[in-house]
Amino acid sequence: MKVLVAAPVHEKAVEVLKNAGFEVVYREYPDEDRLVELVRDVDAIIVRSKPKVTRRVIKSAPRLKVIARAGVGLDNIDLDAAKERGIKVVNSPGASSRSVAELAFGLLFAVARKIAFADRKMREGIWAKKQAMGVELEGKTIGVVGFGRIGYQVAKIANAFGMKVLLYDPYPKEERAKEVGGSFASLEDLLRESDVVTLHVPLVEATYHMINEERLKLMKPTAILINAARGAVVDTKALVKALQEGWIAGAGLDVYEEEPLPKDHPLTKLDNVVLTPHIGASTVEAQMRAGVQVAEQIVEILKG
């Protein structure tokens, strides 16, 4: 059997596939036309956030039995087309939970203590000590929007820092909340009461532009917004306005409505925002877990 690895995965994932006796072909991020050619004789394909596995790609793969996403989400896979063909679609939703949670806190520290701003000024030869006045996290309220695997890890870290933890989720789990010292609130109350709001929800119809102008105006002028979920959960135009006009104090963003973020985007001109290039799952440990988990699932499915 043949497996196409169409995106970078950890070497241990490739070992799992080869040890199972599969032929492994690696082609990094082929475009749709190239992918259509590559899938003609494969039994499984591994992707990450790209390339897209479209209906056209699936139609060109008569032997395809498994589509695996090494990571969270399935938004780059045509699930309807896969279902029609009886093709299994798998991913590794828990592999990057800790790494995304830690990045969310990294962004929070960078904004709260103005680390990125201070670093830029130091490189310019400017000793900006007064302008780099920050705030502490202990005793502050953090609002965790989305209490799944990642939200749980964020709340756990926040609790260890002595923060008050508010949670919002359409399916509240009280016992899990108690484990991290958190309590559930409505989204509106969470936004009003939190000093930090961090987003950990999937991008679905109900969460598209969940954080819009109206909801940004509910937040404290001293609040910080962190988004390491999906870019379109936040209305970017409204966020730029909020940061420019001081509705909120700052933001830390790892995801964007348009990726890569254009060089001249208004967000890049603001000192009160920290930007990273969608690196939430970009740790050695997370990549190893994600690759190995999907490789093991491929082996299980193809070997019955």
Protein backbone atom coordinates (compact mmCIF):
# COMPACT_ATOMS: atom_id res chain seq x y z
CA MET A 1 0.00 0.00 0.00
CA LYS A 2 1.11 3.55 -0.71
CA VAL A 3 0.89 6.64 1.48
CA LEU A 4 1.42 10.17 0.16
CA VAL A 5 2.83 12.58 2.73
CA ALA A 6 1.87 15.96 1.25
CA ALA A 7 3.13 18.14 4.11
CA PRO A 8 6.07 18.01 6.54
CA VAL A 9 5.60 15.47 9.34
CA HIS A 10 7.92 14.19 12.04
CA GLU A 11 10.32 11.42 11.00
CA LYS A 12 8.80 9.09 13.61
CA ALA A 13 5.49 9.23 11.73
CA VAL A 14 7.23 8.08 8.56
CA GLU A 15 8.90 5.28 10.56
CA VAL A 16 5.48 4.07 11.76
CA LEU A 17 4.26 3.85 8.16
CA LYS A 18 7.39 2.17 6.81
CA ASN A 19 7.49 -0.32 9.68
CA ALA A 20 3.94 -1.31 8.73
CA GLY A 21 5.23 -2.18 5.26
CA PHE A 22 3.80 0.82 3.41
CA GLU A 23 5.49 2.68 0.58
CA VAL A 24 5.85 6.32 1.59
CA VAL A 25 6.11 9.14 -0.96
CA TYR A 26 6.89 12.67 0.24
CA ARG A 27 5.93 15.77 -1.72
CA GLU A 28 5.80 19.01 0.25
CA TYR A 29 2.66 21.12 -0.25
CA PRO A 30 1.82 20.27 -3.90
CA ASP A 31 -0.71 22.54 -5.60
CA GLU A 32 -4.07 21.12 -6.64
CA ASP A 33 -3.02 20.16 -10.17
CA ARG A 34 0.05 18.32 -8.90
CA LEU A 35 -1.92 16.68 -6.09
CA VAL A 36 -4.47 15.36 -8.59
CA GLU A 37 -1.62 13.52 -10.33
CA LEU A 38 0.02 12.28 -7.12
CA VAL A 39 -3.10 10.70 -5.60
CA ARG A 40 -3.98 8.45 -8.55
CA ASP A 41 -2.33 5.39 -6.99
CA VAL A 42 -2.28 6.10 -3.24
CA ASP A 43 -4.25 4.46 -0.44
CA ALA A 44 -3.80 7.26 2.10
CA ILE A 45 -2.71 10.89 2.19
CA ILE A 46 -1.36 13.00 5.04
CA VAL A 47 -1.79 16.80 5.01
CA ARG A 48 -1.53 19.60 7.53
CA SER A 49 -3.37 22.93 7.21
CA LYS A 50 -2.48 22.64 3.53
CA PRO A 51 -2.69 21.44 0.83
CA LYS A 52 -6.44 21.37 0.30
CA VAL A 53 -7.96 17.99 -0.41
CA THR A 54 -10.75 19.10 -2.74
CA ARG A 55 -13.53 17.14 -4.41
CA ARG A 56 -11.43 17.18 -7.59
CA VAL A 57 -8.49 15.61 -5.75
CA ILE A 58 -10.68 12.95 -4.14
CA LYS A 59 -12.30 12.14 -7.48
CA SER A 60 -8.82 11.51 -8.94
CA ALA A 61 -7.91 8.93 -6.27
CA PRO A 62 -9.71 5.62 -6.94
CA ARG A 63 -7.68 3.73 -4.29
CA LEU A 64 -7.89 6.38 -1.57
CA LYS A 65 -9.18 5.01 1.74
CA VAL A 66 -7.83 7.49 4.34
CA ILE A 67 -7.27 11.25 4.46
CA ALA A 68 -5.29 12.24 7.56
CA ARG A 69 -4.80 15.77 8.87
CA ALA A 70 -1.74 15.99 11.13
CA GLY A 71 -3.23 18.58 13.43
CA VAL A 72 -6.49 20.11 14.59
CA GLY A 73 -9.42 20.87 12.31
CA LEU A 74 -10.53 19.50 8.96
CA ASP A 75 -11.34 22.74 7.16
CA ASN A 76 -8.99 22.03 4.22
CA ILE A 77 -10.69 18.70 3.41
CA ASP A 78 -13.92 18.28 1.43
CA LEU A 79 -15.70 16.12 3.98
CA ASP A 80 -18.83 15.64 1.86
CA ALA A 81 -16.82 14.29 -1.06
CA ALA A 82 -14.90 11.96 1.26
CA LYS A 83 -18.10 10.70 2.87
CA GLU A 84 -19.68 9.97 -0.51
CA ARG A 85 -16.73 7.73 -1.33
CA GLY A 86 -16.61 6.08 2.09
CA ILE A 87 -13.14 7.50 2.73
CA LYS A 88 -12.11 7.74 6.38
CA VAL A 89 -11.01 11.21 7.53
CA VAL A 90 -8.88 11.37 10.68
CA ASN A 91 -6.86 13.99 12.55
CA SER A 92 -4.94 14.48 15.79
CA PRO A 93 -6.97 17.00 17.81
CA GLY A 94 -5.15 16.53 21.11
CA ALA A 95 -1.59 16.52 19.79
CA SER A 96 -1.02 20.27 19.93
CA SER A 97 -3.23 21.23 22.89
CA ARG A 98 -0.37 21.99 25.25
CA SER A 99 1.74 23.77 22.65
CA VAL A 100 -1.14 26.07 21.63
CA ALA A 101 -1.95 26.78 25.29
CA GLU A 102 1.67 27.68 26.00
CA LEU A 103 1.81 29.96 22.95
CA ALA A 104 -1.35 31.72 24.13
CA PHE A 105 0.44 32.49 27.38
CA GLY A 106 3.58 33.49 25.49
CA LEU A 107 1.52 36.03 23.55
CA LEU A 108 -0.12 37.18 26.76
CA PHE A 109 3.22 37.76 28.49
CA ALA A 110 4.53 39.59 25.43
CA VAL A 111 1.55 41.95 25.42
CA ALA A 112 1.14 42.38 29.19
CA ARG A 113 4.83 43.15 29.75
CA LYS A 114 5.32 44.87 26.36
CA ILE A 115 8.19 42.51 25.60
CA ALA A 116 7.99 42.75 21.80
CA PHE A 117 7.71 46.56 21.96
CA ALA A 118 10.69 46.82 24.32
CA ASP A 119 12.74 44.48 22.14
CA ARG A 120 12.08 46.62 19.04
CA LYS A 121 13.08 49.77 20.88
CA MET A 122 16.28 48.19 22.20
CA ARG A 123 17.28 47.22 18.66
CA GLU A 124 16.66 50.83 17.62
CA GLY A 125 19.00 52.00 20.38
CA ILE A 126 16.14 53.42 22.46
CA TRP A 127 15.98 52.79 26.24
CA ALA A 128 12.16 52.81 26.45
CA LYS A 129 11.83 51.88 30.13
CA LYS A 130 8.95 54.25 30.95
CA GLN A 131 6.98 53.35 27.82
CA ALA A 132 7.34 49.64 28.59
CA MET A 133 5.34 49.74 31.83
CA GLY A 134 3.36 46.50 32.02
CA VAL A 135 0.87 44.67 34.22
CA GLU A 136 1.05 41.49 36.31
CA LEU A 137 -1.19 38.47 35.75
CA GLU A 138 -1.66 37.29 39.34
CA GLY A 139 -5.07 38.26 40.64
CA LYS A 140 -6.37 39.19 37.19
CA THR A 141 -9.40 37.53 35.57
CA ILE A 142 -8.88 35.48 32.43
CA GLY A 143 -11.84 34.61 30.25
CA VAL A 144 -11.35 31.37 28.32
CA VAL A 145 -13.73 31.18 25.35
CA GLY A 146 -14.02 27.52 24.37
CA PHE A 147 -13.37 24.93 27.06
CA GLY A 148 -12.15 21.97 25.02
CA ARG A 149 -8.72 20.37 25.10
CA ILE A 150 -6.80 23.62 24.55
CA GLY A 151 -9.07 25.76 26.71
CA TYR A 152 -8.62 23.28 29.54
CA GLN A 153 -4.82 23.55 29.31
CA VAL A 154 -5.00 27.36 29.23
CA ALA A 155 -7.24 27.42 32.30
CA LYS A 156 -4.91 25.02 34.10
CA ILE A 157 -1.91 27.31 33.47
CA ALA A 158 -3.91 30.40 34.42
CA ASN A 159 -4.96 28.81 37.70
CA ALA A 160 -1.31 28.09 38.51
CA PHE A 161 -0.53 31.78 37.97
CA GLY A 162 -3.14 32.77 40.53
CA MET A 163 -5.63 34.12 38.01
CA LYS A 164 -9.40 33.99 38.40
CA VAL A 165 -10.70 31.76 35.59
CA LEU A 166 -13.98 32.43 33.79
CA LEU A 167 -15.13 29.99 31.13
CA TYR A 168 -17.56 30.13 28.24
CA ASP A 169 -18.61 27.07 26.27
CA PRO A 170 -21.95 26.08 24.71
CA TYR A 171 -21.55 22.67 26.39
CA PRO A 172 -20.34 23.46 29.93
CA LYS A 173 -18.72 20.66 31.92
CA GLU A 174 -18.83 21.67 35.56
CA GLU A 175 -16.59 18.89 36.86
CA ARG A 176 -13.85 19.77 34.38
CA ALA A 177 -14.17 23.43 35.38
CA LYS A 178 -13.62 22.54 39.04
CA GLU A 179 -10.36 20.81 38.13
CA VAL A 180 -8.89 24.14 36.98
CA GLY A 181 -10.62 26.36 39.54
CA GLY A 182 -12.88 27.87 36.87
CA SER A 183 -16.53 28.85 36.66
CA PHE A 184 -18.82 29.28 33.68
CA ALA A 185 -20.32 32.58 32.58
CA SER A 186 -22.24 33.91 29.60
CA LEU A 187 -20.04 35.23 26.80
CA GLU A 188 -21.19 38.79 27.44
CA ASP A 189 -20.45 38.61 31.18
CA LEU A 190 -17.09 37.00 30.49
CA LEU A 191 -16.15 39.83 28.11
CA ARG A 192 -17.22 42.51 30.60
CA GLU A 193 -15.41 41.00 33.59
CA SER A 194 -12.17 39.66 32.11
CA ASP A 195 -8.79 41.37 32.08
CA VAL A 196 -7.68 38.84 29.48
CA VAL A 197 -9.89 37.13 26.89
CA THR A 198 -8.37 34.14 25.09
CA LEU A 199 -10.12 32.32 22.24
CA HIS A 200 -10.05 28.56 21.76
CA VAL A 201 -13.03 27.69 19.57
CA PRO A 202 -13.26 26.03 16.14
CA LEU A 203 -14.27 28.10 13.13
CA VAL A 204 -17.88 27.18 12.39
CA GLU A 205 -20.89 29.23 11.37
CA ALA A 206 -21.71 30.10 15.00
CA THR A 207 -18.16 31.35 15.76
CA TYR A 208 -17.52 33.36 12.57
CA HIS A 209 -16.80 36.94 13.76
CA MET A 210 -17.85 35.90 17.25
CA ILE A 211 -15.71 38.77 18.50
CA ASN A 212 -17.15 41.71 16.60
CA GLU A 213 -17.39 45.45 17.19
CA GLU A 214 -20.32 45.11 19.59
CA ARG A 215 -18.53 42.53 21.74
CA LEU A 216 -15.17 44.32 21.65
CA LYS A 217 -16.95 47.34 23.12
CA LEU A 218 -18.08 45.18 26.07
CA MET A 219 -14.46 44.56 27.08
CA LYS A 220 -12.49 46.67 29.55
CA PRO A 221 -10.25 49.39 28.09
CA THR A 222 -7.41 47.69 29.99
CA ALA A 223 -8.20 44.22 28.59
CA ILE A 224 -6.01 42.05 26.35
CA LEU A 225 -7.38 39.80 23.61
CA ILE A 226 -5.51 36.62 22.61
CA ASN A 227 -6.43 34.62 19.50
CA ALA A 228 -4.63 31.34 18.80
CA ALA A 229 -7.75 29.63 17.40
CA ARG A 230 -8.83 30.70 13.90
CA GLY A 231 -8.50 34.16 12.37
CA ALA A 232 -12.11 34.59 11.31
CA VAL A 233 -13.37 34.12 14.88
CA VAL A 234 -12.47 37.82 15.20
CA ASP A 235 -13.71 40.61 12.94
CA THR A 236 -10.30 42.01 11.98
CA LYS A 237 -11.53 45.45 10.92
CA ALA A 238 -13.31 45.86 14.24
CA LEU A 239 -10.22 44.69 16.14
CA VAL A 240 -7.95 47.18 14.35
CA LYS A 241 -10.39 49.94 15.26
CA ALA A 242 -10.53 48.74 18.88
CA LEU A 243 -6.73 48.77 19.16
CA GLN A 244 -6.38 52.14 17.45
CA GLU A 245 -9.09 53.84 19.49
CA GLY A 246 -8.30 52.23 22.85
CA TRP A 247 -11.43 50.13 23.37
CA ILE A 248 -9.00 47.47 24.57
CA ALA A 249 -5.36 47.74 25.66
CA GLY A 250 -3.76 45.19 23.38
CA ALA A 251 -3.90 41.89 21.51
CA GLY A 252 -1.75 38.84 20.82
CA LEU A 253 -2.55 37.09 17.55
CA ASP A 254 -1.29 33.87 16.00
CA VAL A 255 -4.06 33.49 13.39
CA TYR A 256 -5.61 35.81 10.81
CA GLU A 257 -8.52 36.04 8.42
CA GLU A 258 -5.97 36.28 5.61
CA GLU A 259 -2.85 34.12 5.87
CA PRO A 260 -0.06 34.93 5.34
CA LEU A 261 -0.79 38.35 6.83
CA PRO A 262 -0.05 41.03 4.19
CA LYS A 263 3.13 43.00 4.86
CA ASP A 264 1.27 46.33 4.88
CA HIS A 265 -1.70 45.16 6.99
CA PRO A 266 -2.89 47.75 9.56
CA LEU A 267 -2.13 45.30 12.40
CA THR A 268 1.59 45.47 11.57
CA LYS A 269 1.60 49.22 12.26
CA LEU A 270 0.35 48.96 15.85
CA ASP A 271 2.60 48.85 18.93
CA ASN A 272 -0.09 47.31 21.15
CA VAL A 273 -0.38 44.05 19.23
CA VAL A 274 2.00 41.07 19.09
CA LEU A 275 1.87 38.96 15.93
CA THR A 276 3.13 35.42 15.26
CA PRO A 277 2.75 33.41 12.00
CA HIS A 278 0.30 30.64 13.02
CA ILE A 279 2.86 28.75 15.11
CA GLY A 280 0.54 27.38 17.81
CA ALA A 281 1.33 23.77 16.93
CA SER A 282 4.93 24.47 15.89
CA THR A 283 6.83 22.63 18.59
CA VAL A 284 8.94 19.52 18.16
CA GLU A 285 6.76 17.66 20.67
CA ALA A 286 3.43 18.63 19.09
CA GLN A 287 4.60 17.77 15.58
CA MET A 288 5.84 14.38 16.72
CA ARG A 289 2.55 13.61 18.49
CA ALA A 290 0.44 14.81 15.54
CA GLY A 291 2.39 12.84 12.95
CA VAL A 292 2.60 9.63 14.96
CA GLN A 293 -1.09 9.73 15.91
CA VAL A 294 -2.32 10.04 12.32
CA ALA A 295 0.23 7.49 11.08
CA GLU A 296 -1.01 4.97 13.64
CA GLN A 297 -4.60 5.62 12.58
CA ILE A 298 -3.68 5.05 8.93
CA VAL A 299 -2.05 1.74 9.82
CA GLU A 300 -5.10 0.62 11.81
CA ILE A 301 -7.52 1.50 9.00
CA LEU A 302 -5.51 0.14 6.07
CA LYS A 303 -4.72 -3.08 7.91
CA GLY A 304 -8.33 -3.52 8.99
